[in-house]
């Protein structure tokens, strides 16, 4: 497969195969998964970054356990719409994953996803700092994936 435009992703997937969403950071990769109808994204896990091969192995194991067939990676764009170092790093992650597995990958603009999730955890759920640190990455991945799923659903309508 290849890196696809988000709107081309569903055609590259088998029917009823979930999609995994990723929020890659410097120390962790937040992972979320969709349901088989690709309607709802749920936080799944956080992978502590070590070496790329180990990280990819952990990701593929999570994908296999859920039957996921595609990936949406958050692309942290600058507020002016340009790409910075983190966006380039996430693009490199996608290229490296493709070297290991033939899998469809797309990107979704994730500007402020972690900030939005943190705000929800504090304002609506009064989650303390320690607990936020444990869940924010996988919840940000779910936020990213949910945005992509809604874009796909709106495009079909």
Protein backbone atom coordinates (compact mmCIF):
# COMPACT_ATOMS: atom_id res chain seq x y z
CA UNK A 1 0.00 0.00 0.00
CA UNK A 2 0.99 3.58 0.32
CA UNK A 3 0.28 6.81 2.07
CA UNK A 4 -3.18 7.83 0.91
CA UNK A 5 -5.42 10.82 1.01
CA UNK A 6 -7.84 10.25 3.89
CA UNK A 7 -10.84 10.10 1.54
CA UNK A 8 -9.17 7.25 -0.40
CA UNK A 9 -8.54 5.17 2.73
CA UNK A 10 -11.90 3.31 2.91
CA UNK A 11 -11.53 1.94 -0.64
CA UNK A 12 -8.16 0.45 0.34
CA UNK A 13 -9.63 -1.43 3.32
CA UNK A 14 -11.66 -4.62 3.53
CA UNK A 15 -15.26 -4.13 4.67
CA UNK A 16 -15.80 -4.00 8.43
CA UNK A 17 -12.11 -3.71 9.23
CA UNK A 18 -11.36 -1.23 12.01
CA UNK A 19 -8.87 1.60 11.62
CA UNK A 20 -6.18 2.46 14.14
CA UNK A 21 -5.44 6.07 15.02
CA UNK A 22 -2.01 7.18 16.22
CA UNK A 23 -0.83 10.20 18.17
CA UNK A 24 2.96 9.90 17.95
CA UNK A 25 4.94 11.87 20.48
CA UNK A 26 8.60 11.92 21.41
CA UNK A 27 8.21 9.49 24.32
CA UNK A 28 4.98 7.65 23.54
CA UNK A 29 2.57 6.73 20.77
CA UNK A 30 -1.09 6.99 21.70
CA UNK A 31 -3.19 4.33 19.98
CA UNK A 32 -6.95 4.29 19.37
CA UNK A 33 -9.16 1.98 17.35
CA UNK A 34 -12.46 2.36 15.53
CA UNK A 35 -15.37 -0.02 15.66
CA UNK A 36 -16.00 -2.23 12.62
CA UNK A 37 -18.48 0.28 11.17
CA UNK A 38 -15.82 3.02 11.47
CA UNK A 39 -18.20 5.23 13.41
CA UNK A 40 -16.67 5.49 16.90
CA UNK A 41 -13.05 5.79 17.96
CA UNK A 42 -11.99 4.43 21.34
CA UNK A 43 -8.71 4.86 23.21
CA UNK A 44 -6.77 1.59 23.10
CA UNK A 45 -3.24 1.82 24.50
CA UNK A 46 -0.06 3.84 24.83
CA UNK A 47 3.19 2.50 23.43
CA UNK A 48 6.30 3.70 25.27
CA UNK A 49 8.81 4.54 22.56
CA UNK A 50 12.01 2.53 22.59
CA UNK A 51 13.43 1.44 19.25
CA UNK A 52 11.43 1.78 16.07
CA UNK A 53 11.30 -1.96 15.37
CA UNK A 54 10.01 -2.70 18.87
CA UNK A 55 7.48 0.12 18.68
CA UNK A 56 6.22 -1.11 15.30
CA UNK A 57 5.99 -4.66 16.61
CA UNK A 58 3.83 -3.47 19.52
CA UNK A 59 1.63 -1.46 17.14
CA UNK A 60 1.15 -4.36 14.72
CA UNK A 61 0.32 -6.68 17.61
CA UNK A 62 -2.39 -4.25 18.79
CA UNK A 63 -3.72 -3.98 15.23
CA UNK A 64 -3.86 -7.75 14.82
CA UNK A 65 -5.67 -8.17 18.13
CA UNK A 66 -8.44 -5.84 16.86
CA UNK A 67 -8.43 -6.88 13.20
CA UNK A 68 -7.45 -3.35 12.16
CA UNK A 69 -6.43 -2.95 8.53
CA UNK A 70 -5.47 0.71 8.20
CA UNK A 71 -3.83 3.55 10.09
CA UNK A 72 -4.61 7.24 10.53
CA UNK A 73 -1.66 9.19 11.91
CA UNK A 74 -2.11 12.59 13.48
CA UNK A 75 -0.24 15.30 11.60
CA UNK A 76 0.59 18.21 13.93
CA UNK A 77 0.36 21.16 11.59
CA UNK A 78 1.47 24.64 12.62
CA UNK A 79 -1.36 27.09 13.21
CA UNK A 80 -0.57 28.78 9.87
CA UNK A 81 -1.04 25.45 8.04
CA UNK A 82 2.62 24.72 7.44
CA UNK A 83 4.41 21.58 8.56
CA UNK A 84 7.07 21.68 11.23
CA UNK A 85 9.53 19.15 12.60
CA UNK A 86 6.87 17.04 14.38
CA UNK A 87 4.81 16.71 11.21
CA UNK A 88 7.91 15.61 9.29
CA UNK A 89 8.69 13.11 12.04
CA UNK A 90 5.18 11.64 11.75
CA UNK A 91 5.54 11.38 7.97
CA UNK A 92 8.82 9.52 8.51
CA UNK A 93 7.04 7.17 10.92
CA UNK A 94 4.53 6.34 8.18
CA UNK A 95 7.27 5.67 5.63
CA UNK A 96 9.10 3.43 8.09
CA UNK A 97 5.93 1.48 8.94
CA UNK A 98 5.36 0.91 5.22
CA UNK A 99 8.81 -0.65 4.96
CA UNK A 100 7.67 -3.31 7.43
CA UNK A 101 4.04 -3.83 6.40
CA UNK A 102 1.99 -3.25 3.28
CA UNK A 103 -0.81 -1.30 4.93
CA UNK A 104 -2.88 1.75 3.96
CA UNK A 105 -1.94 4.85 5.93
CA UNK A 106 -3.50 8.31 5.91
CA UNK A 107 -2.93 11.51 7.90
CA UNK A 108 -5.33 13.75 9.80
CA UNK A 109 -4.58 17.31 10.92
CA UNK A 110 -4.35 17.07 14.68
CA UNK A 111 -3.77 20.68 15.64
CA UNK A 112 -4.45 21.11 19.34
CA UNK A 113 -5.75 17.56 19.89
CA UNK A 114 -3.69 16.97 23.04
CA UNK A 115 -4.66 20.40 24.39
CA UNK A 116 -8.34 19.70 23.71
CA UNK A 117 -8.22 16.30 25.40
CA UNK A 118 -6.34 17.71 28.39
CA UNK A 119 -8.96 20.45 28.74
CA UNK A 120 -11.79 17.87 28.68
CA UNK A 121 -10.03 15.72 31.27
CA UNK A 122 -9.54 18.70 33.60
CA UNK A 123 -12.78 20.64 33.06
CA UNK A 124 -15.29 17.84 32.65
CA UNK A 125 -13.74 14.94 34.54
CA UNK A 126 -11.47 16.63 37.11
CA UNK A 127 -8.69 14.13 36.34
CA UNK A 128 -5.49 14.72 38.30
CA UNK A 129 -2.12 15.32 36.63
CA UNK A 130 -0.80 11.78 37.21
CA UNK A 131 -3.87 10.12 35.73
CA UNK A 132 -3.93 12.59 32.80
CA UNK A 133 -0.36 11.58 31.97
CA UNK A 134 -1.47 7.95 31.81
CA UNK A 135 -4.42 8.49 29.45
CA UNK A 136 -3.89 11.68 27.46
CA UNK A 137 -1.92 10.11 24.59
CA UNK A 138 -4.41 7.34 23.81
CA UNK A 139 -7.31 9.78 24.26
CA UNK A 140 -5.62 12.22 21.85
CA UNK A 141 -5.29 9.31 19.39
CA UNK A 142 -9.04 8.69 19.76
CA UNK A 143 -9.72 12.42 19.21
CA UNK A 144 -7.62 12.32 16.02
CA UNK A 145 -9.26 9.13 14.75
CA UNK A 146 -12.76 10.38 15.57
CA UNK A 147 -12.13 13.54 13.55
CA UNK A 148 -10.98 11.45 10.59
CA UNK A 149 -13.99 9.12 10.90
CA UNK A 150 -16.37 12.08 10.94
CA UNK A 151 -14.70 13.54 7.84
CA UNK A 152 -15.13 10.20 6.07
CA UNK A 153 -18.77 9.97 7.14
CA UNK A 154 -19.51 13.54 6.02
CA UNK A 155 -17.85 12.85 2.66
CA UNK A 156 -20.13 9.84 2.08
CA UNK A 157 -23.28 11.87 2.79
